[in-house]
Structures are given as structure tokens and as C-alpha cells.
Amino acid sequence: MTRRCMLTGKTVLYGNNVSHANNKTRRRFLPNLQEKSVLSEVLCQSIRLRLTTNAIRSIEFHGGFDNFVMRAKTADLDPKVAKLKKLIAEKKAAQDAAAAH
């Protein structure tokens, strides 16, 4: 399993440790990934995802998982989350059509 956020796509970065003597050794900067269960209000279910803490804060800022996913570009999302986005869009459209009648 890759160390990659399922919503933002944030992944491992590479760089150098630089000593006082200016010796350079390669190192990895790992994203702060957390296993998080988020609630989809439209689908009425919780979804378990691997998210960075930054993505968790962004979900809260945008008013929930559904709003965040609908605003995100499908190309940036994990395939699992892209399928969820499609389901959310279909269910929202069905709810809006039912409310209009």
C-alpha cells in the first residue's frame, strides 16, 4: 500500500539531511497519514480512508466529506473515492428531482 492520501494525493517527498560539515545523505519526508472514518451524509454511511491531517482539516473546512469530494477534481482522487463521488452525485440528483416534484 502506497503512502498516499486518498483525497489530496499528497505522497512521499525526498531530500537531503545536511550535517554541520555539509555532508549530504538522502532522506524521505513521509506524509502524516491517519486511518480515518468519515461520514457521508448523502450516502448515509461511514467510509474508512487513509488521509493526511491536512485533508482532514480541509474536509471540516468545506463542511463535510460530501462537499469536499464534490468540489475536488476527479483526476486528483483515489479510484475508490472517485467511485464514491459518482455515487454521491447520482444520489444528490435523485434527491433534488424528488424534492422538485
N, C-alpha and C. Protein backbone atom coordinates (compact mmCIF):
# COMPACT_ATOMS: atom_id res chain seq x y z
N MET A 1 0.85 -1.18 0.00
CA MET A 1 0.00 0.00 0.00
C MET A 1 0.89 1.24 0.00
N THR A 2 0.62 2.14 -0.90
CA THR A 2 1.44 3.34 -1.00
C THR A 2 1.13 4.31 0.11
N ARG A 3 2.12 5.11 0.43
CA ARG A 3 1.92 6.16 1.43
C ARG A 3 1.40 7.39 0.68
N ARG A 4 0.10 7.40 0.46
CA ARG A 4 -0.52 8.44 -0.36
C ARG A 4 -1.90 8.77 0.21
N CYS A 5 -2.21 10.06 0.31
CA CYS A 5 -3.52 10.49 0.77
C CYS A 5 -4.55 10.20 -0.30
N MET A 6 -5.69 9.63 0.09
CA MET A 6 -6.71 9.24 -0.87
C MET A 6 -7.50 10.43 -1.42
N LEU A 7 -7.43 11.57 -0.76
CA LEU A 7 -8.17 12.75 -1.24
C LEU A 7 -7.27 13.78 -1.92
N THR A 8 -6.17 14.11 -1.29
CA THR A 8 -5.32 15.18 -1.84
C THR A 8 -4.21 14.66 -2.72
N GLY A 9 -3.88 13.37 -2.63
CA GLY A 9 -2.80 12.80 -3.43
C GLY A 9 -1.42 13.10 -2.89
N LYS A 10 -1.35 13.69 -1.69
CA LYS A 10 -0.05 14.00 -1.10
C LYS A 10 0.72 12.71 -0.85
N THR A 11 1.99 12.68 -1.24
CA THR A 11 2.78 11.47 -1.15
C THR A 11 4.16 11.76 -0.57
N VAL A 12 5.05 10.78 -0.60
CA VAL A 12 6.39 10.89 -0.03
C VAL A 12 7.22 11.88 -0.86
N LEU A 13 7.97 12.74 -0.16
CA LEU A 13 8.92 13.64 -0.80
C LEU A 13 10.33 13.22 -0.41
N TYR A 14 11.32 13.56 -1.24
CA TYR A 14 12.70 13.18 -0.98
C TYR A 14 13.56 14.41 -0.86
N GLY A 15 14.61 14.30 -0.05
CA GLY A 15 15.52 15.42 0.13
C GLY A 15 16.81 14.94 0.77
N ASN A 16 17.53 15.86 1.38
CA ASN A 16 18.81 15.55 2.00
C ASN A 16 18.82 15.95 3.46
N ASN A 17 19.49 15.13 4.29
CA ASN A 17 19.93 15.57 5.60
C ASN A 17 21.26 16.25 5.37
N VAL A 18 21.44 17.45 5.89
CA VAL A 18 22.69 18.17 5.71
C VAL A 18 23.32 18.38 7.09
N SER A 19 24.50 17.81 7.28
CA SER A 19 25.19 17.91 8.57
C SER A 19 25.89 19.25 8.69
N HIS A 20 26.45 19.51 9.88
CA HIS A 20 27.20 20.74 10.11
C HIS A 20 28.42 20.80 9.20
N ALA A 21 28.96 19.61 8.86
CA ALA A 21 30.12 19.54 7.96
C ALA A 21 29.70 19.56 6.49
N ASN A 22 28.41 19.79 6.24
CA ASN A 22 27.83 19.87 4.90
C ASN A 22 27.85 18.54 4.16
N ASN A 23 27.85 17.42 4.93
CA ASN A 23 27.67 16.10 4.32
C ASN A 23 26.20 15.94 4.00
N LYS A 24 25.91 15.36 2.85
CA LYS A 24 24.50 15.20 2.44
C LYS A 24 24.16 13.72 2.34
N THR A 25 23.11 13.32 3.03
CA THR A 25 22.62 11.95 2.93
C THR A 25 21.14 12.02 2.59
N ARG A 26 20.69 11.11 1.73
CA ARG A 26 19.30 11.12 1.27
C ARG A 26 18.35 10.75 2.41
N ARG A 27 17.18 11.34 2.38
CA ARG A 27 16.14 11.03 3.35
C ARG A 27 14.78 11.15 2.71
N ARG A 28 13.77 10.67 3.41
CA ARG A 28 12.39 10.72 2.92
C ARG A 28 11.54 11.53 3.89
N PHE A 29 10.67 12.36 3.34
CA PHE A 29 9.69 13.09 4.14
C PHE A 29 8.36 12.40 3.95
N LEU A 30 7.87 11.72 5.00
CA LEU A 30 6.63 10.96 4.90
C LEU A 30 5.43 11.84 5.23
N PRO A 31 4.31 11.68 4.52
CA PRO A 31 3.10 12.44 4.86
C PRO A 31 2.52 11.92 6.17
N ASN A 32 1.84 12.79 6.88
CA ASN A 32 1.24 12.42 8.17
C ASN A 32 -0.11 11.75 7.89
N LEU A 33 -0.07 10.46 7.55
CA LEU A 33 -1.28 9.72 7.19
C LEU A 33 -1.97 9.15 8.42
N GLN A 34 -3.28 9.26 8.43
CA GLN A 34 -4.11 8.72 9.51
C GLN A 34 -5.22 7.87 8.89
N GLU A 35 -5.54 6.77 9.54
CA GLU A 35 -6.68 5.95 9.13
C GLU A 35 -7.91 6.61 9.75
N LYS A 36 -8.81 7.12 8.92
CA LYS A 36 -9.92 7.93 9.41
C LYS A 36 -11.23 7.44 8.83
N SER A 37 -12.26 7.41 9.64
CA SER A 37 -13.59 7.05 9.18
C SER A 37 -14.39 8.34 9.03
N VAL A 38 -14.84 8.65 7.82
CA VAL A 38 -15.59 9.88 7.56
C VAL A 38 -17.03 9.51 7.21
N LEU A 39 -17.95 10.39 7.56
CA LEU A 39 -19.36 10.14 7.33
C LEU A 39 -19.83 10.85 6.07
N SER A 40 -20.48 10.09 5.19
CA SER A 40 -21.11 10.68 4.02
C SER A 40 -22.59 10.84 4.35
N GLU A 41 -23.05 12.09 4.40
CA GLU A 41 -24.44 12.37 4.76
C GLU A 41 -25.39 11.96 3.64
N VAL A 42 -24.97 12.08 2.40
CA VAL A 42 -25.82 11.73 1.26
C VAL A 42 -26.00 10.22 1.17
N LEU A 43 -24.89 9.47 1.33
CA LEU A 43 -24.95 8.01 1.24
C LEU A 43 -25.39 7.36 2.55
N CYS A 44 -25.42 8.13 3.64
CA CYS A 44 -25.80 7.64 4.98
C CYS A 44 -24.92 6.46 5.41
N GLN A 45 -23.62 6.59 5.22
CA GLN A 45 -22.70 5.56 5.66
C GLN A 45 -21.34 6.17 5.98
N SER A 46 -20.55 5.46 6.78
CA SER A 46 -19.20 5.93 7.06
C SER A 46 -18.23 5.20 6.13
N ILE A 47 -17.18 5.92 5.75
CA ILE A 47 -16.20 5.40 4.81
C ILE A 47 -14.83 5.49 5.47
N ARG A 48 -14.07 4.40 5.40
CA ARG A 48 -12.75 4.36 6.01
C ARG A 48 -11.70 4.73 4.96
N LEU A 49 -10.90 5.77 5.24
CA LEU A 49 -9.91 6.26 4.29
C LEU A 49 -8.58 6.52 4.98
N ARG A 50 -7.50 6.51 4.18
CA ARG A 50 -6.19 6.94 4.67
C ARG A 50 -5.99 8.38 4.23
N LEU A 51 -6.01 9.30 5.19
CA LEU A 51 -5.97 10.73 4.90
C LEU A 51 -4.82 11.39 5.64
N THR A 52 -4.30 12.47 5.04
CA THR A 52 -3.35 13.30 5.76
C THR A 52 -4.13 14.19 6.72
N THR A 53 -3.46 14.70 7.73
CA THR A 53 -4.12 15.58 8.68
C THR A 53 -4.59 16.85 7.98
N ASN A 54 -3.86 17.28 6.95
CA ASN A 54 -4.26 18.44 6.16
C ASN A 54 -5.60 18.18 5.46
N ALA A 55 -5.79 16.98 4.93
CA ALA A 55 -7.04 16.64 4.24
C ALA A 55 -8.20 16.58 5.24
N ILE A 56 -7.95 16.10 6.45
CA ILE A 56 -8.99 16.04 7.48
C ILE A 56 -9.46 17.45 7.82
N ARG A 57 -8.51 18.37 7.94
CA ARG A 57 -8.87 19.76 8.22
C ARG A 57 -9.64 20.38 7.05
N SER A 58 -9.25 20.03 5.82
CA SER A 58 -9.93 20.56 4.64
C SER A 58 -11.37 20.06 4.56
N ILE A 59 -11.59 18.80 4.94
CA ILE A 59 -12.96 18.25 4.95
C ILE A 59 -13.83 19.05 5.91
N GLU A 60 -13.31 19.33 7.09
CA GLU A 60 -14.07 20.10 8.07
C GLU A 60 -14.32 21.52 7.57
N PHE A 61 -13.32 22.11 6.92
CA PHE A 61 -13.45 23.48 6.42
C PHE A 61 -14.54 23.59 5.35
N HIS A 62 -14.62 22.59 4.47
CA HIS A 62 -15.59 22.61 3.37
C HIS A 62 -16.98 22.13 3.79
N GLY A 63 -17.16 21.79 5.05
CA GLY A 63 -18.50 21.44 5.53
C GLY A 63 -18.85 19.98 5.39
N GLY A 64 -17.86 19.10 5.39
CA GLY A 64 -18.14 17.67 5.35
C GLY A 64 -17.53 16.98 4.14
N PHE A 65 -17.52 15.66 4.21
CA PHE A 65 -16.92 14.84 3.17
C PHE A 65 -17.58 15.04 1.82
N ASP A 66 -18.91 15.06 1.80
CA ASP A 66 -19.64 15.19 0.53
C ASP A 66 -19.29 16.48 -0.20
N ASN A 67 -19.29 17.59 0.51
CA ASN A 67 -18.97 18.88 -0.10
C ASN A 67 -17.53 18.91 -0.61
N PHE A 68 -16.60 18.37 0.18
CA PHE A 68 -15.20 18.36 -0.23
C PHE A 68 -15.01 17.54 -1.50
N VAL A 69 -15.59 16.36 -1.54
CA VAL A 69 -15.41 15.46 -2.69
C VAL A 69 -16.06 16.05 -3.94
N MET A 70 -17.21 16.69 -3.81
CA MET A 70 -17.87 17.26 -4.98
C MET A 70 -17.08 18.42 -5.57
N ARG A 71 -16.32 19.14 -4.75
CA ARG A 71 -15.51 20.25 -5.25
C ARG A 71 -14.19 19.79 -5.84
N ALA A 72 -13.69 18.62 -5.43
CA ALA A 72 -12.39 18.13 -5.86
C ALA A 72 -12.44 17.64 -7.30
N LYS A 73 -11.31 17.72 -7.99
CA LYS A 73 -11.20 17.19 -9.35
C LYS A 73 -11.11 15.67 -9.26
N THR A 74 -11.83 14.99 -10.12
CA THR A 74 -11.86 13.53 -10.12
C THR A 74 -10.48 12.95 -10.40
N ALA A 75 -9.68 13.62 -11.20
CA ALA A 75 -8.34 13.12 -11.54
C ALA A 75 -7.42 13.09 -10.32
N ASP A 76 -7.65 13.98 -9.35
CA ASP A 76 -6.80 14.05 -8.16
C ASP A 76 -7.16 13.00 -7.13
N LEU A 77 -8.35 12.41 -7.25
CA LEU A 77 -8.84 11.49 -6.22
C LEU A 77 -8.39 10.06 -6.48
N ASP A 78 -8.33 9.28 -5.41
CA ASP A 78 -8.08 7.85 -5.48
C ASP A 78 -9.26 7.20 -6.23
N PRO A 79 -9.04 6.11 -6.97
CA PRO A 79 -10.15 5.47 -7.70
C PRO A 79 -11.34 5.09 -6.81
N LYS A 80 -11.08 4.66 -5.58
CA LYS A 80 -12.15 4.31 -4.66
C LYS A 80 -13.01 5.55 -4.34
N VAL A 81 -12.34 6.67 -4.11
CA VAL A 81 -13.05 7.91 -3.77
C VAL A 81 -13.75 8.47 -5.00
N ALA A 82 -13.17 8.27 -6.19
CA ALA A 82 -13.82 8.73 -7.42
C ALA A 82 -15.15 8.02 -7.64
N LYS A 83 -15.21 6.71 -7.32
CA LYS A 83 -16.47 5.97 -7.41
C LYS A 83 -17.49 6.51 -6.41
N LEU A 84 -17.01 6.84 -5.21
CA LEU A 84 -17.90 7.41 -4.19
C LEU A 84 -18.44 8.76 -4.65
N LYS A 85 -17.60 9.55 -5.31
CA LYS A 85 -18.03 10.85 -5.82
C LYS A 85 -19.16 10.68 -6.82
N LYS A 86 -19.02 9.68 -7.69
CA LYS A 86 -20.06 9.42 -8.69
C LYS A 86 -21.37 9.00 -8.02
N LEU A 87 -21.28 8.13 -7.01
CA LEU A 87 -22.48 7.70 -6.28
C LEU A 87 -23.15 8.87 -5.57
N ILE A 88 -22.34 9.73 -4.96
CA ILE A 88 -22.88 10.90 -4.26
C ILE A 88 -23.60 11.82 -5.24
N ALA A 89 -23.00 12.06 -6.41
CA ALA A 89 -23.61 12.93 -7.42
C ALA A 89 -24.94 12.35 -7.90
N GLU A 90 -24.99 11.04 -8.13
CA GLU A 90 -26.23 10.41 -8.58
C GLU A 90 -27.32 10.50 -7.52
N LYS A 91 -26.93 10.22 -6.28
CA LYS A 91 -27.93 10.24 -5.20
C LYS A 91 -28.43 11.67 -4.94
N LYS A 92 -27.53 12.66 -5.02
CA LYS A 92 -27.94 14.07 -4.85
C LYS A 92 -28.90 14.48 -5.95
N ALA A 93 -28.62 14.07 -7.18
CA ALA A 93 -29.50 14.41 -8.31
C ALA A 93 -30.87 13.78 -8.11
N ALA A 94 -30.91 12.54 -7.62
CA ALA A 94 -32.19 11.87 -7.37
C ALA A 94 -32.96 12.57 -6.25
N GLN A 95 -32.25 13.01 -5.21
CA GLN A 95 -32.91 13.73 -4.11
C GLN A 95 -33.45 15.08 -4.58
N ASP A 96 -32.69 15.77 -5.41
CA ASP A 96 -33.14 17.07 -5.92
C ASP A 96 -34.36 16.91 -6.84
N ALA A 97 -34.36 15.85 -7.65
CA ALA A 97 -35.50 15.60 -8.53
C ALA A 97 -36.75 15.25 -7.73
N ALA A 98 -36.58 14.48 -6.65
CA ALA A 98 -37.71 14.13 -5.79
C ALA A 98 -38.25 15.35 -5.04
N ALA A 99 -37.35 16.26 -4.66
CA ALA A 99 -37.76 17.46 -3.95
C ALA A 99 -38.47 18.43 -4.88
N ALA A 100 -38.13 18.41 -6.17
CA ALA A 100 -38.75 19.31 -7.13
C ALA A 100 -40.20 18.91 -7.44
N HIS A 101 -40.51 17.62 -7.32
CA HIS A 101 -41.88 17.16 -7.62
C HIS A 101 -42.73 17.23 -6.43
